[in-house]
Amino acid sequence: MFFVYVDFTDDGRPFYVGKGNVDRVALRKRNKHHSHVAAKHGCRREIVLETTCEFDACNREIRLIAELHTFVGDIHWNGVGTNHTVGGEGPAGHILSLKSKEKIGAANRGKKRGPISH
């Protein structure tokens, strides 16, 4: 399954749009800018699409980043947006080496996974 989700500040401003599997959705950390906004303004994650089609998920992610102006390079940037790309990247299902998996596991150990709202 692929999910597209939006992170909102406590006052309802969208600041990040993402795509991924259930583990990616549960993991809260994204980039330093995202962490700063979440710490300062709160973070509520909402799943907006659940699909078996990665193509559909990529397209929705791209469209939402543009519509919600969460890309920091957008001329209508909302001031809190933290997407560093316009979306659609990232190979789902990419097979990692054991060494890479161990590095990722070590980096993620102890990180908080928050509740997900649908």
N, C-alpha and C. Protein backbone atom coordinates (compact mmCIF):
# COMPACT_ATOMS: atom_id res chain seq x y z
N MET A 1 0.83 -1.19 0.00
CA MET A 1 0.00 0.00 0.00
C MET A 1 0.88 1.25 0.00
N PHE A 2 0.39 2.25 -0.67
CA PHE A 2 1.03 3.56 -0.69
C PHE A 2 0.08 4.56 -0.05
N PHE A 3 0.67 5.49 0.69
CA PHE A 3 -0.11 6.51 1.38
C PHE A 3 0.42 7.88 1.00
N VAL A 4 -0.49 8.83 0.88
CA VAL A 4 -0.12 10.23 0.75
C VAL A 4 -0.69 10.91 1.99
N TYR A 5 0.13 11.74 2.61
CA TYR A 5 -0.28 12.36 3.86
C TYR A 5 0.13 13.83 3.87
N VAL A 6 -0.55 14.58 4.72
CA VAL A 6 -0.25 16.00 4.90
C VAL A 6 -0.02 16.25 6.38
N ASP A 7 1.04 16.98 6.68
CA ASP A 7 1.29 17.42 8.05
C ASP A 7 0.78 18.84 8.20
N PHE A 8 0.01 19.07 9.26
CA PHE A 8 -0.58 20.37 9.55
C PHE A 8 -0.04 20.90 10.87
N THR A 9 0.08 22.22 10.99
CA THR A 9 0.42 22.83 12.27
C THR A 9 -0.82 22.74 13.17
N ASP A 10 -0.64 23.06 14.43
CA ASP A 10 -1.77 23.00 15.37
C ASP A 10 -2.89 23.95 14.97
N ASP A 11 -2.55 25.02 14.25
CA ASP A 11 -3.60 25.95 13.82
C ASP A 11 -4.12 25.65 12.41
N GLY A 12 -3.76 24.47 11.88
CA GLY A 12 -4.36 24.00 10.63
C GLY A 12 -3.63 24.34 9.35
N ARG A 13 -2.44 24.92 9.42
CA ARG A 13 -1.69 25.25 8.20
C ARG A 13 -0.93 24.02 7.70
N PRO A 14 -1.11 23.65 6.43
CA PRO A 14 -0.34 22.52 5.89
C PRO A 14 1.12 22.93 5.73
N PHE A 15 2.04 22.03 6.14
CA PHE A 15 3.45 22.39 5.98
C PHE A 15 4.29 21.29 5.35
N TYR A 16 3.73 20.11 5.14
CA TYR A 16 4.49 19.05 4.48
C TYR A 16 3.53 18.06 3.84
N VAL A 17 3.86 17.63 2.64
CA VAL A 17 3.12 16.57 1.95
C VAL A 17 4.11 15.45 1.68
N GLY A 18 3.71 14.23 1.99
CA GLY A 18 4.60 13.10 1.78
C GLY A 18 3.89 11.89 1.21
N LYS A 19 4.69 10.96 0.72
CA LYS A 19 4.19 9.71 0.16
C LYS A 19 5.06 8.58 0.69
N GLY A 20 4.45 7.44 0.98
CA GLY A 20 5.25 6.31 1.42
C GLY A 20 4.39 5.16 1.89
N ASN A 21 5.07 4.16 2.42
CA ASN A 21 4.36 3.01 2.97
C ASN A 21 3.99 3.31 4.42
N VAL A 22 3.38 2.36 5.09
CA VAL A 22 2.88 2.59 6.45
C VAL A 22 4.03 2.94 7.40
N ASP A 23 5.21 2.35 7.21
CA ASP A 23 6.35 2.67 8.08
C ASP A 23 6.82 4.10 7.87
N ARG A 24 6.84 4.55 6.63
CA ARG A 24 7.25 5.93 6.33
C ARG A 24 6.26 6.92 6.94
N VAL A 25 4.99 6.60 6.88
CA VAL A 25 3.97 7.49 7.45
C VAL A 25 4.14 7.58 8.97
N ALA A 26 4.45 6.46 9.61
CA ALA A 26 4.57 6.43 11.07
C ALA A 26 5.81 7.16 11.57
N LEU A 27 6.86 7.20 10.77
CA LEU A 27 8.10 7.86 11.17
C LEU A 27 7.91 9.37 11.07
N ARG A 28 8.12 10.08 12.16
CA ARG A 28 7.82 11.51 12.21
C ARG A 28 8.89 12.40 11.59
N LYS A 29 10.14 12.02 11.67
CA LYS A 29 11.22 12.90 11.23
C LYS A 29 11.32 12.95 9.71
N ARG A 30 11.50 14.16 9.18
CA ARG A 30 11.67 14.35 7.74
C ARG A 30 12.97 15.09 7.45
N ASN A 31 12.99 16.39 7.61
CA ASN A 31 14.19 17.17 7.40
C ASN A 31 14.30 18.19 8.55
N LYS A 32 15.41 18.90 8.63
CA LYS A 32 15.60 19.83 9.75
C LYS A 32 14.53 20.92 9.77
N HIS A 33 14.17 21.41 8.61
CA HIS A 33 13.14 22.44 8.51
C HIS A 33 11.80 21.91 9.04
N HIS A 34 11.43 20.68 8.64
CA HIS A 34 10.21 20.05 9.11
C HIS A 34 10.24 19.92 10.64
N SER A 35 11.37 19.45 11.18
CA SER A 35 11.49 19.28 12.63
C SER A 35 11.30 20.60 13.37
N HIS A 36 11.86 21.68 12.81
CA HIS A 36 11.75 23.00 13.42
C HIS A 36 10.29 23.47 13.44
N VAL A 37 9.61 23.35 12.29
CA VAL A 37 8.21 23.78 12.22
C VAL A 37 7.34 22.94 13.15
N ALA A 38 7.56 21.62 13.16
CA ALA A 38 6.76 20.74 14.02
C ALA A 38 6.97 21.08 15.49
N ALA A 39 8.22 21.37 15.88
CA ALA A 39 8.50 21.69 17.28
C ALA A 39 7.88 23.04 17.67
N LYS A 40 7.90 23.99 16.76
CA LYS A 40 7.41 25.33 17.07
C LYS A 40 5.89 25.44 16.95
N HIS A 41 5.29 24.78 15.96
CA HIS A 41 3.87 24.97 15.66
C HIS A 41 3.01 23.72 15.83
N GLY A 42 3.61 22.58 16.23
CA GLY A 42 2.87 21.35 16.36
C GLY A 42 2.78 20.60 15.04
N CYS A 43 2.36 19.36 15.11
CA CYS A 43 2.27 18.53 13.91
C CYS A 43 1.14 17.52 14.04
N ARG A 44 0.18 17.63 13.14
CA ARG A 44 -0.90 16.64 13.04
C ARG A 44 -0.85 16.07 11.64
N ARG A 45 -0.68 14.76 11.53
CA ARG A 45 -0.56 14.09 10.23
C ARG A 45 -1.90 13.50 9.84
N GLU A 46 -2.29 13.74 8.60
CA GLU A 46 -3.55 13.22 8.08
C GLU A 46 -3.29 12.48 6.77
N ILE A 47 -3.72 11.24 6.70
CA ILE A 47 -3.62 10.47 5.46
C ILE A 47 -4.73 10.92 4.52
N VAL A 48 -4.35 11.30 3.30
CA VAL A 48 -5.34 11.79 2.34
C VAL A 48 -5.57 10.82 1.19
N LEU A 49 -4.69 9.82 1.05
CA LEU A 49 -4.87 8.81 0.00
C LEU A 49 -4.23 7.51 0.44
N GLU A 50 -4.94 6.43 0.22
CA GLU A 50 -4.43 5.08 0.45
C GLU A 50 -4.70 4.31 -0.83
N THR A 51 -3.65 3.79 -1.47
CA THR A 51 -3.81 3.14 -2.76
C THR A 51 -2.76 2.06 -2.98
N THR A 52 -3.05 1.17 -3.90
CA THR A 52 -2.06 0.16 -4.28
C THR A 52 -1.24 0.64 -5.48
N CYS A 53 -1.58 1.78 -6.03
CA CYS A 53 -0.93 2.30 -7.25
C CYS A 53 0.06 3.41 -6.90
N GLU A 54 1.35 3.13 -7.03
CA GLU A 54 2.35 4.14 -6.70
C GLU A 54 2.25 5.35 -7.63
N PHE A 55 1.90 5.13 -8.88
CA PHE A 55 1.75 6.23 -9.84
C PHE A 55 0.70 7.23 -9.35
N ASP A 56 -0.44 6.71 -8.88
CA ASP A 56 -1.49 7.59 -8.35
C ASP A 56 -1.01 8.34 -7.12
N ALA A 57 -0.27 7.65 -6.25
CA ALA A 57 0.25 8.29 -5.04
C ALA A 57 1.23 9.41 -5.40
N CYS A 58 2.12 9.17 -6.35
CA CYS A 58 3.07 10.20 -6.78
C CYS A 58 2.35 11.42 -7.35
N ASN A 59 1.36 11.16 -8.18
CA ASN A 59 0.61 12.27 -8.78
C ASN A 59 -0.13 13.09 -7.73
N ARG A 60 -0.74 12.42 -6.75
CA ARG A 60 -1.44 13.15 -5.69
C ARG A 60 -0.46 13.97 -4.86
N GLU A 61 0.71 13.39 -4.56
CA GLU A 61 1.72 14.12 -3.80
C GLU A 61 2.15 15.39 -4.54
N ILE A 62 2.44 15.27 -5.82
CA ILE A 62 2.85 16.41 -6.63
C ILE A 62 1.77 17.48 -6.63
N ARG A 63 0.53 17.05 -6.86
CA ARG A 63 -0.60 17.99 -6.93
C ARG A 63 -0.81 18.72 -5.60
N LEU A 64 -0.74 17.97 -4.49
CA LEU A 64 -0.96 18.58 -3.18
C LEU A 64 0.15 19.56 -2.80
N ILE A 65 1.39 19.22 -3.11
CA ILE A 65 2.50 20.13 -2.81
C ILE A 65 2.27 21.45 -3.53
N ALA A 66 1.81 21.37 -4.78
CA ALA A 66 1.54 22.59 -5.56
C ALA A 66 0.32 23.34 -5.01
N GLU A 67 -0.76 22.62 -4.71
CA GLU A 67 -1.99 23.26 -4.24
C GLU A 67 -1.83 23.89 -2.85
N LEU A 68 -1.09 23.21 -1.98
CA LEU A 68 -0.96 23.68 -0.60
C LEU A 68 0.25 24.59 -0.40
N HIS A 69 1.06 24.75 -1.45
CA HIS A 69 2.23 25.64 -1.43
C HIS A 69 3.21 25.27 -0.31
N THR A 70 3.49 23.98 -0.17
CA THR A 70 4.41 23.53 0.87
C THR A 70 5.85 23.41 0.38
N PHE A 71 6.10 23.62 -0.92
CA PHE A 71 7.46 23.59 -1.46
C PHE A 71 8.12 24.93 -1.16
N VAL A 72 9.29 24.88 -0.55
CA VAL A 72 9.95 26.13 -0.14
C VAL A 72 10.35 27.00 -1.33
N GLY A 73 10.39 26.47 -2.54
CA GLY A 73 10.72 27.26 -3.71
C GLY A 73 9.51 27.81 -4.44
N ASP A 74 8.31 27.54 -3.94
CA ASP A 74 7.06 27.99 -4.55
C ASP A 74 6.93 29.50 -4.40
N ILE A 75 6.55 30.20 -5.47
CA ILE A 75 6.41 31.66 -5.37
C ILE A 75 5.28 32.06 -4.42
N HIS A 76 4.36 31.14 -4.15
CA HIS A 76 3.26 31.40 -3.21
C HIS A 76 3.49 30.65 -1.89
N TRP A 77 4.75 30.37 -1.59
CA TRP A 77 5.12 29.62 -0.39
C TRP A 77 4.41 30.19 0.83
N ASN A 78 3.86 29.30 1.65
CA ASN A 78 3.04 29.74 2.78
C ASN A 78 3.84 30.12 4.03
N GLY A 79 5.14 30.10 3.94
CA GLY A 79 5.97 30.51 5.08
C GLY A 79 6.31 29.40 6.04
N VAL A 80 5.54 28.34 6.06
CA VAL A 80 5.85 27.21 6.94
C VAL A 80 6.09 25.94 6.14
N GLY A 81 5.88 25.96 4.85
CA GLY A 81 6.07 24.77 4.01
C GLY A 81 7.49 24.23 4.13
N THR A 82 7.61 22.90 4.19
CA THR A 82 8.92 22.29 4.40
C THR A 82 9.30 21.25 3.35
N ASN A 83 8.53 21.14 2.27
CA ASN A 83 8.93 20.23 1.20
C ASN A 83 10.10 20.84 0.44
N HIS A 84 11.17 20.08 0.30
CA HIS A 84 12.35 20.57 -0.41
C HIS A 84 12.35 20.15 -1.88
N THR A 85 11.34 19.40 -2.30
CA THR A 85 11.17 19.05 -3.71
C THR A 85 9.69 19.23 -4.05
N VAL A 86 9.38 19.14 -5.34
CA VAL A 86 7.99 19.28 -5.77
C VAL A 86 7.24 17.95 -5.74
N GLY A 87 7.90 16.89 -5.26
CA GLY A 87 7.24 15.60 -5.09
C GLY A 87 7.45 14.64 -6.23
N GLY A 88 7.00 13.41 -6.01
CA GLY A 88 7.06 12.38 -7.04
C GLY A 88 8.35 11.60 -7.09
N GLU A 89 9.33 11.93 -6.25
CA GLU A 89 10.56 11.17 -6.26
C GLU A 89 10.54 10.05 -5.24
N GLY A 90 11.61 9.33 -5.19
CA GLY A 90 11.75 8.29 -4.18
C GLY A 90 11.26 6.95 -4.67
N PRO A 91 12.17 6.03 -4.84
CA PRO A 91 11.81 4.70 -5.33
C PRO A 91 11.19 3.84 -4.24
N ALA A 92 9.91 3.59 -4.32
CA ALA A 92 9.27 2.68 -3.36
C ALA A 92 9.72 1.27 -3.67
N GLY A 93 9.95 0.50 -2.65
CA GLY A 93 10.34 -0.88 -2.85
C GLY A 93 11.80 -1.08 -3.20
N HIS A 94 12.60 -0.01 -3.12
CA HIS A 94 14.03 -0.11 -3.40
C HIS A 94 14.65 -1.10 -2.42
N ILE A 95 15.44 -2.02 -2.90
CA ILE A 95 16.04 -3.04 -2.05
C ILE A 95 17.39 -2.54 -1.56
N LEU A 96 17.52 -2.42 -0.25
CA LEU A 96 18.74 -1.93 0.37
C LEU A 96 19.67 -3.07 0.74
N SER A 97 20.95 -2.78 0.77
CA SER A 97 21.93 -3.76 1.24
C SER A 97 21.78 -3.92 2.75
N LEU A 98 22.29 -5.01 3.28
CA LEU A 98 22.23 -5.25 4.73
C LEU A 98 22.96 -4.13 5.47
N LYS A 99 24.09 -3.68 4.95
CA LYS A 99 24.85 -2.60 5.57
C LYS A 99 24.01 -1.31 5.63
N SER A 100 23.32 -1.00 4.54
CA SER A 100 22.46 0.20 4.52
C SER A 100 21.33 0.07 5.52
N LYS A 101 20.70 -1.11 5.58
CA LYS A 101 19.61 -1.33 6.53
C LYS A 101 20.09 -1.13 7.97
N GLU A 102 21.30 -1.64 8.27
CA GLU A 102 21.85 -1.49 9.61
C GLU A 102 22.09 -0.01 9.95
N LYS A 103 22.60 0.76 8.98
CA LYS A 103 22.84 2.19 9.21
C LYS A 103 21.52 2.93 9.45
N ILE A 104 20.52 2.62 8.66
CA ILE A 104 19.21 3.27 8.82
C ILE A 104 18.59 2.89 10.15
N GLY A 105 18.69 1.61 10.51
CA GLY A 105 18.15 1.14 11.78
C GLY A 105 18.81 1.84 12.96
N ALA A 106 20.14 1.98 12.90
CA ALA A 106 20.86 2.65 13.99
C ALA A 106 20.44 4.12 14.08
N ALA A 107 20.26 4.76 12.95
CA ALA A 107 19.87 6.17 12.94
C ALA A 107 18.45 6.38 13.48
N ASN A 108 17.57 5.41 13.27
CA ASN A 108 16.17 5.55 13.67
C ASN A 108 15.87 5.02 15.07
N ARG A 109 16.80 4.30 15.67
CA ARG A 109 16.55 3.75 17.00
C ARG A 109 16.20 4.84 18.00
N GLY A 110 15.10 4.63 18.70
CA GLY A 110 14.69 5.57 19.74
C GLY A 110 13.85 6.74 19.25
N LYS A 111 13.64 6.85 17.94
CA LYS A 111 12.82 7.95 17.42
C LYS A 111 11.36 7.67 17.70
N LYS A 112 10.65 8.71 18.03
CA LYS A 112 9.24 8.59 18.38
C LYS A 112 8.39 8.42 17.12
N ARG A 113 7.49 7.48 17.16
CA ARG A 113 6.51 7.29 16.09
C ARG A 113 5.18 7.71 16.66
N GLY A 114 4.55 8.69 16.04
CA GLY A 114 3.30 9.24 16.56
C GLY A 114 2.08 8.58 15.97
N PRO A 115 0.92 8.91 16.52
CA PRO A 115 -0.33 8.36 16.00
C PRO A 115 -0.64 8.93 14.61
N ILE A 116 -1.34 8.16 13.84
CA ILE A 116 -1.72 8.55 12.48
C ILE A 116 -3.23 8.72 12.45
N SER A 117 -3.69 9.85 11.90
CA SER A 117 -5.14 10.03 11.76
C SER A 117 -5.53 9.80 10.32
N HIS A 118 -6.70 9.24 10.11
CA HIS A 118 -7.21 9.01 8.75
C HIS A 118 -8.28 10.02 8.45
